[in-house]
Amino acid sequence: MAAVTVYGPPLSTAVSRVLACLLEKEVKFKLVPVDMSKGKHKTPDFLKLQPFGQVPAFQDEAVTLFESRAICRYLCDKYADQGTTGLLGKKEGGIVERALVEQWLEAEGQSFNLPSSVLVMNLAFAPRMGMKQDPDAIERHAGRLAKVLDVYDQRLGESRFLAGDEFTLADLSHLPNGQYLVNTEKGDLFTSRKNVKRWWEDISSRPAWKKVVKMQTTPPS
Protein backbone atom coordinates (compact mmCIF):
# COMPACT_ATOMS: atom_id res chain seq x y z
CA MET A 1 0.00 0.00 0.00
CA ALA A 2 1.44 3.33 -1.07
CA ALA A 3 1.90 5.98 1.59
CA VAL A 4 -0.41 8.96 1.70
CA THR A 5 1.10 12.44 1.89
CA VAL A 6 0.39 15.13 4.46
CA TYR A 7 1.62 18.67 3.89
CA GLY A 8 2.21 20.92 6.87
CA PRO A 9 4.20 21.33 10.10
CA PRO A 10 3.36 18.94 12.98
CA LEU A 11 3.22 21.93 15.35
CA SER A 12 -0.01 22.95 13.60
CA THR A 13 -3.04 21.80 15.56
CA ALA A 14 -4.87 20.85 12.37
CA VAL A 15 -1.90 18.90 10.99
CA SER A 16 -1.39 17.08 14.28
CA ARG A 17 -5.06 16.04 14.26
CA VAL A 18 -4.51 14.28 10.91
CA LEU A 19 -1.24 12.74 12.08
CA ALA A 20 -2.93 11.31 15.16
CA CYS A 21 -5.64 9.76 13.01
CA LEU A 22 -3.11 8.27 10.58
CA LEU A 23 -1.18 6.71 13.45
CA GLU A 24 -4.32 5.34 15.10
CA LYS A 25 -5.34 3.80 11.77
CA GLU A 26 -1.79 2.52 11.12
CA VAL A 27 -1.73 4.13 7.69
CA LYS A 28 1.69 4.71 6.16
CA PHE A 29 2.26 8.36 5.40
CA LYS A 30 4.84 10.84 4.23
CA LEU A 31 4.98 14.20 6.00
CA VAL A 32 6.09 17.12 3.86
CA PRO A 33 6.92 20.15 6.04
CA VAL A 34 5.61 23.50 4.82
CA ASP A 35 7.61 26.51 6.00
CA MET A 36 4.78 28.92 6.68
CA SER A 37 7.19 31.57 7.99
CA LYS A 38 8.50 31.85 4.42
CA GLY A 39 5.04 31.86 2.87
CA LYS A 40 5.35 28.41 1.34
CA HIS A 41 1.64 27.82 2.02
CA LYS A 42 0.77 30.67 -0.35
CA THR A 43 2.70 29.48 -3.40
CA PRO A 44 0.77 28.60 -6.58
CA ASP A 45 1.74 24.92 -6.32
CA PHE A 46 0.50 24.64 -2.74
CA LEU A 47 -2.70 26.53 -3.51
CA LYS A 48 -3.54 23.80 -6.01
CA LEU A 49 -3.69 21.43 -3.03
CA GLN A 50 -5.20 23.82 -0.47
CA PRO A 51 -6.98 26.75 -2.15
CA PHE A 52 -7.26 28.71 1.12
CA GLY A 53 -3.50 28.63 1.70
CA GLN A 54 -3.75 26.83 5.03
CA VAL A 55 -2.53 23.50 6.39
CA PRO A 56 -2.90 20.61 6.16
CA ALA A 57 -3.19 19.50 2.57
CA PHE A 58 -3.56 15.78 1.93
CA GLN A 59 -3.07 13.42 -0.98
CA ASP A 60 -4.00 9.76 -1.31
CA GLU A 61 -3.27 8.68 -4.87
CA ALA A 62 -5.75 10.68 -6.98
CA VAL A 63 -7.59 12.06 -3.95
CA THR A 64 -6.69 15.54 -2.72
CA LEU A 65 -8.32 16.88 0.44
CA PHE A 66 -8.04 19.74 2.91
CA GLU A 67 -9.68 20.48 6.29
CA SER A 68 -8.39 18.20 9.03
CA ARG A 69 -11.72 16.84 10.25
CA ALA A 70 -12.80 15.90 6.72
CA ILE A 71 -9.47 14.17 6.17
CA CYS A 72 -9.89 12.22 9.41
CA ARG A 73 -13.40 11.10 8.44
CA TYR A 74 -12.07 9.95 5.08
CA LEU A 75 -9.31 7.94 6.74
CA CYS A 76 -11.71 6.35 9.20
CA ASP A 77 -14.06 5.31 6.41
CA LYS A 78 -11.43 4.10 3.93
CA TYR A 79 -9.40 2.21 6.52
CA ALA A 80 -12.34 1.19 8.72
CA ASP A 81 -10.98 -2.29 9.49
CA GLN A 82 -7.37 -1.21 9.96
CA GLY A 83 -5.62 -0.06 13.13
CA THR A 84 -7.94 1.36 15.78
CA THR A 85 -11.40 0.37 14.58
CA GLY A 86 -14.59 2.14 15.51
CA LEU A 87 -13.26 5.70 15.43
CA LEU A 88 -16.53 6.64 13.75
CA GLY A 89 -18.49 4.08 15.72
CA LYS A 90 -18.54 0.29 15.59
CA LYS A 91 -20.37 -1.28 12.64
CA GLU A 92 -22.63 -3.17 14.98
CA GLY A 93 -23.54 0.13 16.65
CA GLY A 94 -25.30 1.26 13.49
CA ILE A 95 -26.44 4.77 12.71
CA VAL A 96 -27.06 5.69 16.34
CA GLU A 97 -23.45 5.11 17.37
CA ARG A 98 -22.19 6.97 14.31
CA ALA A 99 -24.54 9.85 15.13
CA LEU A 100 -23.18 10.07 18.69
CA VAL A 101 -19.64 10.33 17.37
CA GLU A 102 -20.68 12.98 14.87
CA GLN A 103 -22.57 14.86 17.58
CA TRP A 104 -19.49 15.20 19.76
CA LEU A 105 -17.31 15.95 16.76
CA GLU A 106 -19.65 18.84 16.08
CA ALA A 107 -19.37 19.90 19.71
CA GLU A 108 -15.60 20.00 19.31
CA GLY A 109 -15.76 21.94 16.07
CA GLN A 110 -18.54 24.36 17.05
CA SER A 111 -18.20 24.83 20.83
CA PHE A 112 -14.73 23.75 21.95
CA ASN A 113 -12.56 24.82 19.04
CA LEU A 114 -13.10 28.59 18.96
CA PRO A 115 -12.39 29.45 22.60
CA SER A 116 -9.61 26.89 22.87
CA SER A 117 -7.97 28.15 19.65
CA VAL A 118 -7.97 31.74 20.91
CA LEU A 119 -6.35 30.57 24.14
CA VAL A 120 -3.77 28.46 22.31
CA MET A 121 -2.83 31.38 20.10
CA ASN A 122 -2.47 33.79 23.03
CA LEU A 123 -0.94 31.48 25.62
CA ALA A 124 1.13 29.05 23.57
CA PHE A 125 1.97 30.59 20.21
CA ALA A 126 2.13 34.33 20.89
CA PRO A 127 5.10 34.05 23.31
CA ARG A 128 7.01 31.89 20.82
CA MET A 129 6.34 34.27 17.95
CA GLY A 130 7.10 37.46 19.86
CA MET A 131 3.49 38.61 19.62
CA LYS A 132 1.52 40.53 22.23
CA GLN A 133 -1.06 38.64 24.25
CA ASP A 134 -4.62 39.90 24.62
CA PRO A 135 -5.56 39.60 28.32
CA ASP A 136 -9.22 40.47 27.68
CA ALA A 137 -9.53 37.79 24.99
CA ILE A 138 -7.83 35.27 27.26
CA GLU A 139 -10.27 35.81 30.10
CA ARG A 140 -13.32 36.03 27.86
CA HIS A 141 -12.56 32.80 26.02
CA ALA A 142 -11.42 31.02 29.16
CA GLY A 143 -14.90 31.71 30.51
CA ARG A 144 -16.50 30.35 27.35
CA LEU A 145 -14.34 27.24 27.41
CA ALA A 146 -15.13 26.68 31.08
CA LYS A 147 -18.82 26.45 30.23
CA VAL A 148 -18.10 23.94 27.48
CA LEU A 149 -15.95 21.82 29.77
CA ASP A 150 -18.67 21.88 32.43
CA VAL A 151 -20.91 20.14 29.89
CA TYR A 152 -18.11 17.71 29.07
CA ASP A 153 -17.54 16.96 32.74
CA GLN A 154 -21.18 16.00 33.17
CA ARG A 155 -21.12 13.83 30.06
CA LEU A 156 -17.86 12.15 31.09
CA GLY A 157 -19.42 11.26 34.41
CA GLU A 158 -21.80 9.06 32.41
CA SER A 159 -19.37 7.45 29.95
CA ARG A 160 -15.65 6.87 29.66
CA PHE A 161 -15.37 8.85 26.43
CA LEU A 162 -17.50 11.53 24.82
CA ALA A 163 -19.47 9.33 22.44
CA GLY A 164 -19.63 6.31 24.74
CA ASP A 165 -17.27 3.81 26.28
CA GLU A 166 -14.92 3.55 23.29
CA PHE A 167 -12.27 6.03 22.11
CA THR A 168 -13.44 7.71 18.90
CA LEU A 169 -12.59 10.51 16.53
CA ALA A 170 -14.64 12.81 18.77
CA ASP A 171 -12.05 12.37 21.52
CA LEU A 172 -9.06 12.43 19.18
CA SER A 173 -10.10 15.75 17.69
CA HIS A 174 -9.66 17.48 21.06
CA LEU A 175 -6.03 16.41 21.45
CA PRO A 176 -4.23 19.17 19.48
CA ASN A 177 -5.64 22.21 21.29
CA GLY A 178 -5.82 20.36 24.58
CA GLN A 179 -2.13 19.46 24.43
CA TYR A 180 -1.12 23.10 24.20
CA LEU A 181 -3.62 24.33 26.79
CA VAL A 182 -2.83 21.89 29.60
CA ASN A 183 0.73 23.21 29.61
CA THR A 184 -0.31 26.84 30.11
CA GLU A 185 -1.65 28.90 33.00
CA LYS A 186 -5.15 27.85 31.94
CA GLY A 187 -4.40 24.16 32.23
CA ASP A 188 -6.65 24.03 35.28
CA LEU A 189 -9.61 24.25 32.92
CA PHE A 190 -8.90 20.56 32.35
CA THR A 191 -7.32 19.48 35.61
CA SER A 192 -9.87 21.09 37.96
CA ARG A 193 -12.72 19.01 36.55
CA LYS A 194 -12.59 15.45 37.83
CA ASN A 195 -14.08 13.69 34.82
CA VAL A 196 -12.42 15.92 32.23
CA LYS A 197 -9.07 15.36 33.94
CA ARG A 198 -9.52 11.59 33.91
CA TRP A 199 -10.59 11.69 30.24
CA TRP A 200 -7.71 13.93 29.24
CA GLU A 201 -5.12 11.74 30.96
CA ASP A 202 -6.64 8.75 29.20
CA ILE A 203 -6.70 10.09 25.64
CA SER A 204 -3.41 12.00 25.82
CA SER A 205 -1.54 8.89 26.94
CA ARG A 206 -2.42 6.93 23.82
CA PRO A 207 0.70 5.72 21.97
CA ALA A 208 -0.37 7.36 18.69
CA TRP A 209 -0.69 10.77 20.31
CA LYS A 210 2.63 10.39 22.13
CA LYS A 211 4.24 9.85 18.72
CA VAL A 212 2.67 13.06 17.45
CA VAL A 213 3.96 15.02 20.44
CA LYS A 214 7.43 13.59 19.80
CA MET A 215 7.21 14.73 16.19
CA GLN A 216 6.32 18.22 17.42
CA THR A 217 9.36 18.41 19.66
CA THR A 218 11.89 16.77 17.32
CA PRO A 219 13.60 19.20 14.91
CA PRO A 220 13.17 18.18 11.25
CA SER A 221 16.19 16.38 9.81
C-alpha atoms as a PDB file:
ATOM      1  CA  MET A   1       0.000   0.000   0.000  1.00  0.00           C
ATOM      2  CA  ALA A   2       1.443   3.332  -1.065  1.00  0.00           C
ATOM      3  CA  ALA A   3       1.900   5.979   1.588  1.00  0.00           C
ATOM      4  CA  VAL A   4      -0.413   8.965   1.701  1.00  0.00           C
ATOM      5  CA  THR A   5       1.098  12.439   1.889  1.00  0.00           C
ATOM      6  CA  VAL A   6       0.389  15.131   4.464  1.00  0.00           C
ATOM      7  CA  TYR A   7       1.621  18.668   3.886  1.00  0.00           C
ATOM      8  CA  GLY A   8       2.213  20.919   6.872  1.00  0.00           C
ATOM      9  CA  PRO A   9       4.195  21.334  10.100  1.00  0.00           C
ATOM     10  CA  PRO A  10       3.357  18.943  12.982  1.00  0.00           C
ATOM     11  CA  LEU A  11       3.216  21.932  15.353  1.00  0.00           C
ATOM     12  CA  SER A  12      -0.007  22.955  13.604  1.00  0.00           C
ATOM     13  CA  THR A  13      -3.040  21.802  15.564  1.00  0.00           C
ATOM     14  CA  ALA A  14      -4.866  20.846  12.370  1.00  0.00           C
ATOM     15  CA  VAL A  15      -1.901  18.903  10.993  1.00  0.00           C
ATOM     16  CA  SER A  16      -1.387  17.084  14.285  1.00  0.00           C
ATOM     17  CA  ARG A  17      -5.063  16.037  14.258  1.00  0.00           C
ATOM     18  CA  VAL A  18      -4.509  14.281  10.913  1.00  0.00           C
ATOM     19  CA  LEU A  19      -1.240  12.742  12.079  1.00  0.00           C
ATOM     20  CA  ALA A  20      -2.928  11.305  15.162  1.00  0.00           C
ATOM     21  CA  CYS A  21      -5.641   9.760  13.012  1.00  0.00           C
ATOM     22  CA  LEU A  22      -3.111   8.269  10.585  1.00  0.00           C
ATOM     23  CA  LEU A  23      -1.182   6.710  13.451  1.00  0.00           C
ATOM     24  CA  GLU A  24      -4.321   5.340  15.101  1.00  0.00           C
ATOM     25  CA  LYS A  25      -5.338   3.795  11.771  1.00  0.00           C
ATOM     26  CA  GLU A  26      -1.795   2.516  11.124  1.00  0.00           C
ATOM     27  CA  VAL A  27      -1.728   4.132   7.690  1.00  0.00           C
ATOM     28  CA  LYS A  28       1.689   4.712   6.162  1.00  0.00           C
ATOM     29  CA  PHE A  29       2.260   8.361   5.404  1.00  0.00           C
ATOM     30  CA  LYS A  30       4.840  10.838   4.229  1.00  0.00           C
ATOM     31  CA  LEU A  31       4.980  14.198   5.998  1.00  0.00           C
ATOM     32  CA  VAL A  32       6.093  17.116   3.864  1.00  0.00           C
ATOM     33  CA  PRO A  33       6.918  20.153   6.043  1.00  0.00           C
ATOM     34  CA  VAL A  34       5.609  23.497   4.816  1.00  0.00           C
ATOM     35  CA  ASP A  35       7.611  26.513   6.001  1.00  0.00           C
ATOM     36  CA  MET A  36       4.785  28.918   6.685  1.00  0.00           C
ATOM     37  CA  SER A  37       7.194  31.571   7.989  1.00  0.00           C
ATOM     38  CA  LYS A  38       8.498  31.851   4.423  1.00  0.00           C
ATOM     39  CA  GLY A  39       5.042  31.860   2.874  1.00  0.00           C
ATOM     40  CA  LYS A  40       5.348  28.405   1.341  1.00  0.00           C
ATOM     41  CA  HIS A  41       1.643  27.824   2.025  1.00  0.00           C
ATOM     42  CA  LYS A  42       0.768  30.669  -0.349  1.00  0.00           C
ATOM     43  CA  THR A  43       2.700  29.484  -3.397  1.00  0.00           C
ATOM     44  CA  PRO A  44       0.772  28.602  -6.584  1.00  0.00           C
ATOM     45  CA  ASP A  45       1.739  24.920  -6.324  1.00  0.00           C
ATOM     46  CA  PHE A  46       0.501  24.637  -2.744  1.00  0.00           C
ATOM     47  CA  LEU A  47      -2.701  26.527  -3.514  1.00  0.00           C
ATOM     48  CA  LYS A  48      -3.538  23.800  -6.013  1.00  0.00           C
ATOM     49  CA  LEU A  49      -3.691  21.428  -3.031  1.00  0.00           C
ATOM     50  CA  GLN A  50      -5.196  23.822  -0.471  1.00  0.00           C
ATOM     51  CA  PRO A  51      -6.980  26.748  -2.151  1.00  0.00           C
ATOM     52  CA  PHE A  52      -7.259  28.712   1.120  1.00  0.00           C
ATOM     53  CA  GLY A  53      -3.497  28.626   1.697  1.00  0.00           C
ATOM     54  CA  GLN A  54      -3.749  26.830   5.026  1.00  0.00           C
ATOM     55  CA  VAL A  55      -2.535  23.499   6.386  1.00  0.00           C
ATOM     56  CA  PRO A  56      -2.900  20.608   6.160  1.00  0.00           C
ATOM     57  CA  ALA A  57      -3.187  19.500   2.574  1.00  0.00           C
ATOM     58  CA  PHE A  58      -3.562  15.781   1.931  1.00  0.00           C
ATOM     59  CA  GLN A  59      -3.074  13.420  -0.984  1.00  0.00           C
ATOM     60  CA  ASP A  60      -3.998   9.759  -1.306  1.00  0.00           C
ATOM     61  CA  GLU A  61      -3.270   8.679  -4.869  1.00  0.00           C
ATOM     62  CA  ALA A  62      -5.749  10.685  -6.982  1.00  0.00           C
ATOM     63  CA  VAL A  63      -7.593  12.057  -3.952  1.00  0.00           C
ATOM     64  CA  THR A  64      -6.687  15.543  -2.716  1.00  0.00           C
ATOM     65  CA  LEU A  65      -8.324  16.878   0.440  1.00  0.00           C
ATOM     66  CA  PHE A  66      -8.043  19.735   2.905  1.00  0.00           C
ATOM     67  CA  GLU A  67      -9.680  20.483   6.293  1.00  0.00           C
ATOM     68  CA  SER A  68      -8.387  18.201   9.027  1.00  0.00           C
ATOM     69  CA  ARG A  69     -11.721  16.842  10.246  1.00  0.00           C
ATOM     70  CA  ALA A  70     -12.802  15.903   6.719  1.00  0.00           C
ATOM     71  CA  ILE A  71      -9.465  14.166   6.173  1.00  0.00           C
ATOM     72  CA  CYS A  72      -9.890  12.223   9.408  1.00  0.00           C
ATOM     73  CA  ARG A  73     -13.397  11.098   8.445  1.00  0.00           C
ATOM     74  CA  TYR A  74     -12.067   9.954   5.080  1.00  0.00           C
ATOM     75  CA  LEU A  75      -9.305   7.944   6.740  1.00  0.00           C
ATOM     76  CA  CYS A  76     -11.711   6.349   9.201  1.00  0.00           C
ATOM     77  CA  ASP A  77     -14.064   5.308   6.406  1.00  0.00           C
ATOM     78  CA  LYS A  78     -11.435   4.102   3.930  1.00  0.00           C
ATOM     79  CA  TYR A  79      -9.404   2.206   6.525  1.00  0.00           C
ATOM     80  CA  ALA A  80     -12.335   1.187   8.717  1.00  0.00           C
ATOM     81  CA  ASP A  81     -10.976  -2.293   9.488  1.00  0.00           C
ATOM     82  CA  GLN A  82      -7.365  -1.212   9.958  1.00  0.00           C
ATOM     83  CA  GLY A  83      -5.620  -0.063  13.129  1.00  0.00           C
ATOM     84  CA  THR A  84      -7.940   1.357  15.782  1.00  0.00           C
ATOM     85  CA  THR A  85     -11.402   0.366  14.584  1.00  0.00           C
ATOM     86  CA  GLY A  86     -14.590   2.142  15.510  1.00  0.00           C
ATOM     87  CA  LEU A  87     -13.258   5.703  15.429  1.00  0.00           C
ATOM     88  CA  LEU A  88     -16.534   6.635  13.747  1.00  0.00           C
ATOM     89  CA  GLY A  89     -18.494   4.078  15.721  1.00  0.00           C
ATOM     90  CA  LYS A  90     -18.536   0.288  15.587  1.00  0.00           C
ATOM     91  CA  LYS A  91     -20.367  -1.281  12.638  1.00  0.00           C
ATOM     92  CA  GLU A  92     -22.631  -3.167  14.982  1.00  0.00           C
ATOM     93  CA  GLY A  93     -23.545   0.134  16.652  1.00  0.00           C
ATOM     94  CA  GLY A  94     -25.296   1.255  13.485  1.00  0.00           C
ATOM     95  CA  ILE A  95     -26.445   4.771  12.708  1.00  0.00           C
ATOM     96  CA  VAL A  96     -27.056   5.694  16.344  1.00  0.00           C
ATOM     97  CA  GLU A  97     -23.446   5.106  17.375  1.00  0.00           C
ATOM     98  CA  ARG A  98     -22.190   6.971  14.310  1.00  0.00           C
ATOM     99  CA  ALA A  99     -24.540   9.847  15.127  1.00  0.00           C
ATOM    100  CA  LEU A 100     -23.185  10.067  18.686  1.00  0.00           C
ATOM    101  CA  VAL A 101     -19.640  10.325  17.370  1.00  0.00           C
ATOM    102  CA  GLU A 102     -20.680  12.982  14.866  1.00  0.00           C
ATOM    103  CA  GLN A 103     -22.567  14.857  17.582  1.00  0.00           C
ATOM    104  CA  TRP A 104     -19.489  15.196  19.763  1.00  0.00           C
ATOM    105  CA  LEU A 105     -17.308  15.947  16.762  1.00  0.00           C
ATOM    106  CA  GLU A 106     -19.646  18.843  16.077  1.00  0.00           C
ATOM    107  CA  ALA A 107     -19.373  19.903  19.714  1.00  0.00           C
ATOM    108  CA  GLU A 108     -15.603  19.999  19.314  1.00  0.00           C
ATOM    109  CA  GLY A 109     -15.760  21.942  16.075  1.00  0.00           C
ATOM    110  CA  GLN A 110     -18.539  24.361  17.048  1.00  0.00           C
ATOM    111  CA  SER A 111     -18.203  24.834  20.827  1.00  0.00           C
ATOM    112  CA  PHE A 112     -14.726  23.746  21.949  1.00  0.00           C
ATOM    113  CA  ASN A 113     -12.563  24.818  19.036  1.00  0.00           C
ATOM    114  CA  LEU A 114     -13.101  28.587  18.958  1.00  0.00           C
ATOM    115  CA  PRO A 115     -12.391  29.453  22.604  1.00  0.00           C
ATOM    116  CA  SER A 116      -9.608  26.888  22.871  1.00  0.00           C
ATOM    117  CA  SER A 117      -7.975  28.147  19.654  1.00  0.00           C
ATOM    118  CA  VAL A 118      -7.972  31.738  20.913  1.00  0.00           C
ATOM    119  CA  LEU A 119      -6.347  30.567  24.144  1.00  0.00           C
ATOM    120  CA  VAL A 120      -3.771  28.456  22.307  1.00  0.00           C
ATOM    121  CA  MET A 121      -2.827  31.382  20.101  1.00  0.00           C
ATOM    122  CA  ASN A 122      -2.473  33.791  23.028  1.00  0.00           C
ATOM    123  CA  LEU A 123      -0.937  31.484  25.616  1.00  0.00           C
ATOM    124  CA  ALA A 124       1.134  29.046  23.565  1.00  0.00           C
ATOM    125  CA  PHE A 125       1.970  30.587  20.206  1.00  0.00           C
ATOM    126  CA  ALA A 126       2.132  34.333  20.894  1.00  0.00           C
ATOM    127  CA  PRO A 127       5.097  34.053  23.307  1.00  0.00           C
ATOM    128  CA  ARG A 128       7.010  31.886  20.815  1.00  0.00           C
ATOM    129  CA  MET A 129       6.337  34.269  17.949  1.00  0.00           C
ATOM    130  CA  GLY A 130       7.101  37.461  19.856  1.00  0.00           C
ATOM    131  CA  MET A 131       3.489  38.614  19.625  1.00  0.00           C
ATOM    132  CA  LYS A 132       1.523  40.534  22.233  1.00  0.00           C
ATOM    133  CA  GLN A 133      -1.058  38.641  24.254  1.00  0.00           C
ATOM    134  CA  ASP A 134      -4.621  39.901  24.624  1.00  0.00           C
ATOM    135  CA  PRO A 135      -5.563  39.601  28.321  1.00  0.00           C
ATOM    136  CA  ASP A 136      -9.217  40.466  27.679  1.00  0.00           C
ATOM    137  CA  ALA A 137      -9.527  37.794  24.988  1.00  0.00           C
ATOM    138  CA  ILE A 138      -7.829  35.269  27.256  1.00  0.00           C
ATOM    139  CA  GLU A 139     -10.265  35.809  30.100  1.00  0.00           C
ATOM    140  CA  ARG A 140     -13.318  36.029  27.858  1.00  0.00           C
ATOM    141  CA  HIS A 141     -12.559  32.804  26.018  1.00  0.00           C
ATOM    142  CA  ALA A 142     -11.422  31.018  29.158  1.00  0.00           C
ATOM    143  CA  GLY A 143     -14.895  31.707  30.512  1.00  0.00           C
ATOM    144  CA  ARG A 144     -16.496  30.354  27.351  1.00  0.00           C
ATOM    145  CA  LEU A 145     -14.341  27.240  27.411  1.00  0.00           C
ATOM    146  CA  ALA A 146     -15.126  26.677  31.079  1.00  0.00           C
ATOM    147  CA  LYS A 147     -18.822  26.449  30.235  1.00  0.00           C
ATOM    148  CA  VAL A 148     -18.098  23.936  27.476  1.00  0.00           C
ATOM    149  CA  LEU A 149     -15.954  21.818  29.771  1.00  0.00           C
ATOM    150  CA  ASP A 150     -18.671  21.881  32.426  1.00  0.00           C
ATOM    151  CA  VAL A 151     -20.914  20.136  29.893  1.00  0.00           C
ATOM    152  CA  TYR A 152     -18.109  17.712  29.066  1.00  0.00           C
ATOM    153  CA  ASP A 153     -17.540  16.959  32.736  1.00  0.00           C
ATOM    154  CA  GLN A 154     -21.176  16.002  33.174  1.00  0.00           C
ATOM    155  CA  ARG A 155     -21.116  13.828  30.061  1.00  0.00           C
ATOM    156  CA  LEU A 156     -17.864  12.145  31.090  1.00  0.00           C
ATOM    157  CA  GLY A 157     -19.419  11.261  34.407  1.00  0.00           C
ATOM    158  CA  GLU A 158     -21.797   9.062  32.409  1.00  0.00           C
ATOM    159  CA  SER A 159     -19.375   7.446  29.954  1.00  0.00           C
ATOM    160  CA  ARG A 160     -15.646   6.865  29.661  1.00  0.00           C
ATOM    161  CA  PHE A 161     -15.366   8.853  26.432  1.00  0.00           C
ATOM    162  CA  LEU A 162     -17.505  11.531  24.825  1.00  0.00           C
ATOM    163  CA  ALA A 163     -19.466   9.334  22.440  1.00  0.00           C
ATOM    164  CA  GLY A 164     -19.628   6.306  24.735  1.00  0.00           C
ATOM    165  CA  ASP A 165     -17.272   3.806  26.281  1.00  0.00           C
ATOM    166  CA  GLU A 166     -14.917   3.554  23.291  1.00  0.00           C
ATOM    167  CA  PHE A 167     -12.274   6.028  22.109  1.00  0.00           C
ATOM    168  CA  THR A 168     -13.442   7.710  18.899  1.00  0.00           C
ATOM    169  CA  LEU A 169     -12.595  10.513  16.531  1.00  0.00           C
ATOM    170  CA  ALA A 170     -14.641  12.807  18.772  1.00  0.00           C
ATOM    171  CA  ASP A 171     -12.051  12.374  21.525  1.00  0.00           C
ATOM    172  CA  LEU A 172      -9.064  12.428  19.182  1.00  0.00           C
ATOM    173  CA  SER A 173     -10.102  15.746  17.690  1.00  0.00           C
ATOM    174  CA  HIS A 174      -9.659  17.475  21.065  1.00  0.00           C
ATOM    175  CA  LEU A 175      -6.033  16.413  21.453  1.00  0.00           C
ATOM    176  CA  PRO A 176      -4.232  19.168  19.483  1.00  0.00           C
ATOM    177  CA  ASN A 177      -5.643  22.214  21.291  1.00  0.00           C
ATOM    178  CA  GLY A 178      -5.817  20.364  24.585  1.00  0.00           C
ATOM    179  CA  GLN A 179      -2.131  19.457  24.433  1.00  0.00           C
ATOM    180  CA  TYR A 180      -1.125  23.097  24.205  1.00  0.00           C
ATOM    181  CA  LEU A 181      -3.616  24.325  26.792  1.00  0.00           C
ATOM    182  CA  VAL A 182      -2.830  21.890  29.597  1.00  0.00           C
ATOM    183  CA  ASN A 183       0.726  23.213  29.611  1.00  0.00           C
ATOM    184  CA  THR A 184      -0.313  26.843  30.105  1.00  0.00           C
ATOM    185  CA  GLU A 185      -1.648  28.905  33.002  1.00  0.00           C
ATOM    186  CA  LYS A 186      -5.150  27.854  31.936  1.00  0.00           C
ATOM    187  CA  GLY A 187      -4.399  24.159  32.233  1.00  0.00           C
ATOM    188  CA  ASP A 188      -6.652  24.025  35.281  1.00  0.00           C
ATOM    189  CA  LEU A 189      -9.612  24.254  32.919  1.00  0.00           C
ATOM    190  CA  PHE A 190      -8.899  20.564  32.349  1.00  0.00           C
ATOM    191  CA  THR A 191      -7.317  19.481  35.614  1.00  0.00           C
ATOM    192  CA  SER A 192      -9.869  21.087  37.964  1.00  0.00           C
ATOM    193  CA  ARG A 193     -12.723  19.010  36.554  1.00  0.00           C
ATOM    194  CA  LYS A 194     -12.593  15.447  37.827  1.00  0.00           C
ATOM    195  CA  ASN A 195     -14.077  13.691  34.823  1.00  0.00           C
ATOM    196  CA  VAL A 196     -12.417  15.920  32.234  1.00  0.00           C
ATOM    197  CA  LYS A 197      -9.068  15.360  33.935  1.00  0.00           C
ATOM    198  CA  ARG A 198      -9.523  11.590  33.913  1.00  0.00           C
ATOM    199  CA  TRP A 199     -10.589  11.686  30.244  1.00  0.00           C
ATOM    200  CA  TRP A 200      -7.707  13.934  29.243  1.00  0.00           C
ATOM    201  CA  GLU A 201      -5.116  11.744  30.959  1.00  0.00           C
ATOM    202  CA  ASP A 202      -6.639   8.749  29.196  1.00  0.00           C
ATOM    203  CA  ILE A 203      -6.697  10.094  25.644  1.00  0.00           C
ATOM    204  CA  SER A 204      -3.408  12.000  25.821  1.00  0.00           C
ATOM    205  CA  SER A 205      -1.541   8.886  26.944  1.00  0.00           C
ATOM    206  CA  ARG A 206      -2.421   6.935  23.816  1.00  0.00           C
ATOM    207  CA  PRO A 207       0.702   5.719  21.966  1.00  0.00           C
ATOM    208  CA  ALA A 208      -0.373   7.359  18.692  1.00  0.00           C
ATOM    209  CA  TRP A 209      -0.688  10.772  20.309  1.00  0.00           C
ATOM    210  CA  LYS A 210       2.628  10.389  22.130  1.00  0.00           C
ATOM    211  CA  LYS A 211       4.241   9.851  18.724  1.00  0.00           C
ATOM    212  CA  VAL A 212       2.672  13.059  17.446  1.00  0.00           C
ATOM    213  CA  VAL A 213       3.963  15.022  20.436  1.00  0.00           C
ATOM    214  CA  LYS A 214       7.433  13.586  19.803  1.00  0.00           C
ATOM    215  CA  MET A 215       7.211  14.731  16.194  1.00  0.00           C
ATOM    216  CA  GLN A 216       6.318  18.219  17.418  1.00  0.00           C
ATOM    217  CA  THR A 217       9.355  18.405  19.665  1.00  0.00           C
ATOM    218  CA  THR A 218      11.886  16.774  17.324  1.00  0.00           C
ATOM    219  CA  PRO A 219      13.596  19.198  14.913  1.00  0.00           C
ATOM    220  CA  PRO A 220      13.169  18.177  11.247  1.00  0.00           C
ATOM    221  CA  SER A 221      16.188  16.383   9.810  1.00  0.00           C
END
